[in-house]
Amino acid sequence: MSRLFERSDVRLEAGPQGLAVSGDVDFEVAAPLVEAGSAWLNEQPAGARLVLDLGGVEQVSSAALSVLLEWTRQARTAGVEIRHVRLSAPLARLTQVAGLDELLPLSGEA
C-alpha cells in the first residue's frame, strides 16, 4: 500500500483494493483527507471496482461521514464503482443514525 496522507494519527493509504483510512478523523483533517483521496480516485480507470475501508476510524464525528460521502460522489463522477464500504463499529452506528446506511454498499463488517 502507498501512503497518500498522514497527519497526527490519521493515515490514508491506497492499494489494489482501494482506499484505507485509520485514525481519528475530525474537521481539521477532513478537507486534506478528501483532497488526497479524491486525487487518487480521479487517477483510477473508469470501471474500476474499489473498496473504501474506514474500519480503522475509531473515534468519529460527522467529518468522517463527510469524507466518505465526498469520496463516493467523486468515485461516481470518475466512473469508478465502490464495491463496498467497510466501517468501524462507531462509524457504522453514526452512519445508521444519520440514515446513510441505506445509501452505501456496506460490507456488513464492523
Protein backbone atom coordinates (compact mmCIF):
# COMPACT_ATOMS: atom_id res chain seq x y z
CA MET A 1 0.00 0.00 0.00
CA SER A 2 1.16 3.53 -0.63
CA ARG A 3 0.63 6.32 1.86
CA LEU A 4 -1.31 9.25 0.39
CA PHE A 5 -1.82 11.30 3.55
CA GLU A 6 -0.64 11.36 7.14
CA ARG A 7 -1.28 13.96 9.81
CA SER A 8 -1.30 13.38 13.57
CA ASP A 9 -2.79 9.92 13.93
CA VAL A 10 -4.78 9.95 10.66
CA ARG A 11 -3.42 7.92 7.78
CA LEU A 12 -4.77 7.34 4.25
CA GLU A 13 -3.31 4.51 2.22
CA ALA A 14 -4.08 3.27 -1.28
CA GLY A 15 -3.67 -0.23 -2.60
CA PRO A 16 -5.01 -2.51 -5.30
CA GLN A 17 -8.29 -2.93 -3.44
CA GLY A 18 -8.92 0.78 -2.81
CA LEU A 19 -8.50 3.34 -0.05
CA ALA A 20 -7.99 2.66 3.67
CA VAL A 21 -8.26 5.26 6.45
CA SER A 22 -7.20 4.93 10.06
CA GLY A 23 -7.14 7.33 12.99
CA ASP A 24 -9.47 9.95 14.41
CA VAL A 25 -10.98 11.85 11.51
CA ASP A 26 -12.10 15.32 12.57
CA PHE A 27 -12.83 18.58 10.77
CA GLU A 28 -9.16 19.62 10.97
CA VAL A 29 -8.08 16.77 8.67
CA ALA A 30 -11.27 16.20 6.68
CA ALA A 31 -10.56 18.61 3.79
CA PRO A 32 -6.97 17.50 3.09
CA LEU A 33 -8.06 13.87 3.51
CA VAL A 34 -10.84 14.36 0.95
CA GLU A 35 -8.39 16.06 -1.40
CA ALA A 36 -5.83 13.25 -1.21
CA GLY A 37 -8.42 10.51 -1.69
CA SER A 38 -10.22 12.36 -4.49
CA ALA A 39 -6.97 12.88 -6.39
CA TRP A 40 -6.28 9.14 -6.17
CA LEU A 41 -9.83 8.26 -7.25
CA ASN A 42 -9.50 10.53 -10.28
CA GLU A 43 -6.41 8.58 -11.36
CA GLN A 44 -8.28 5.27 -11.44
CA PRO A 45 -9.56 3.93 -14.75
CA ALA A 46 -13.28 4.22 -15.45
CA GLY A 47 -14.99 0.97 -14.49
CA ALA A 48 -12.55 0.19 -11.68
CA ARG A 49 -14.19 -1.52 -8.69
CA LEU A 50 -12.82 -0.40 -5.33
CA VAL A 51 -13.28 -0.68 -1.58
CA LEU A 52 -13.41 2.23 0.86
CA ASP A 53 -12.08 0.86 4.15
CA LEU A 54 -12.79 3.08 7.15
CA GLY A 55 -12.54 0.19 9.58
CA GLY A 56 -9.60 1.86 11.30
CA VAL A 57 -11.55 5.03 12.16
CA GLU A 58 -12.42 4.52 15.82
CA GLN A 59 -13.33 7.95 17.16
CA VAL A 60 -15.75 9.51 14.72
CA SER A 61 -17.60 12.69 14.00
CA SER A 62 -19.70 13.89 11.13
CA ALA A 63 -16.38 14.84 9.48
CA ALA A 64 -15.70 11.16 8.74
CA LEU A 65 -19.14 10.86 7.14
CA SER A 66 -18.43 13.94 5.04
CA VAL A 67 -15.19 12.39 3.79
CA LEU A 68 -16.97 9.14 2.93
CA LEU A 69 -19.80 10.89 1.09
CA GLU A 70 -17.43 13.11 -0.89
CA TRP A 71 -15.33 10.13 -1.97
CA THR A 72 -18.49 8.30 -3.00
CA ARG A 73 -19.54 11.31 -5.08
CA GLN A 74 -16.06 11.64 -6.56
CA ALA A 75 -15.95 7.96 -7.48
CA ARG A 76 -19.29 8.24 -9.28
CA THR A 77 -18.02 11.31 -11.19
CA ALA A 78 -14.84 9.42 -12.17
CA GLY A 79 -16.80 6.35 -13.32
CA VAL A 80 -15.38 4.23 -10.51
CA GLU A 81 -17.61 1.72 -8.74
CA ILE A 82 -17.44 1.40 -4.97
CA ARG A 83 -17.82 -2.37 -4.45
CA HIS A 84 -18.29 -1.98 -0.74
CA VAL A 85 -17.58 0.23 2.22
CA ARG A 86 -16.11 -1.14 5.43
CA LEU A 87 -16.80 0.88 8.57
CA SER A 88 -15.60 0.67 12.15
CA ALA A 89 -18.35 -0.08 14.69
CA PRO A 90 -18.57 3.55 15.89
CA LEU A 91 -18.72 4.87 12.33
CA ALA A 92 -21.31 2.25 11.37
CA ARG A 93 -23.51 3.40 14.26
CA LEU A 94 -23.19 7.05 13.22
CA THR A 95 -23.95 6.15 9.60
CA GLN A 96 -27.06 4.28 10.70
CA VAL A 97 -28.26 7.14 12.93
CA ALA A 98 -27.76 9.57 10.02
CA GLY A 99 -29.78 7.27 7.74
CA LEU A 100 -26.89 6.81 5.33
CA ASP A 101 -26.56 3.06 5.75
CA GLU A 102 -29.20 2.50 3.04
CA LEU A 103 -27.28 4.66 0.55
CA LEU A 104 -23.88 2.96 0.84
CA PRO A 105 -22.75 -0.51 -0.25
CA LEU A 106 -21.75 -1.54 3.28
CA SER A 107 -19.77 -4.75 3.65
CA GLY A 108 -21.53 -5.84 6.82
CA GLU A 109 -18.23 -5.88 8.71
CA ALA A 110 -17.66 -3.63 11.69
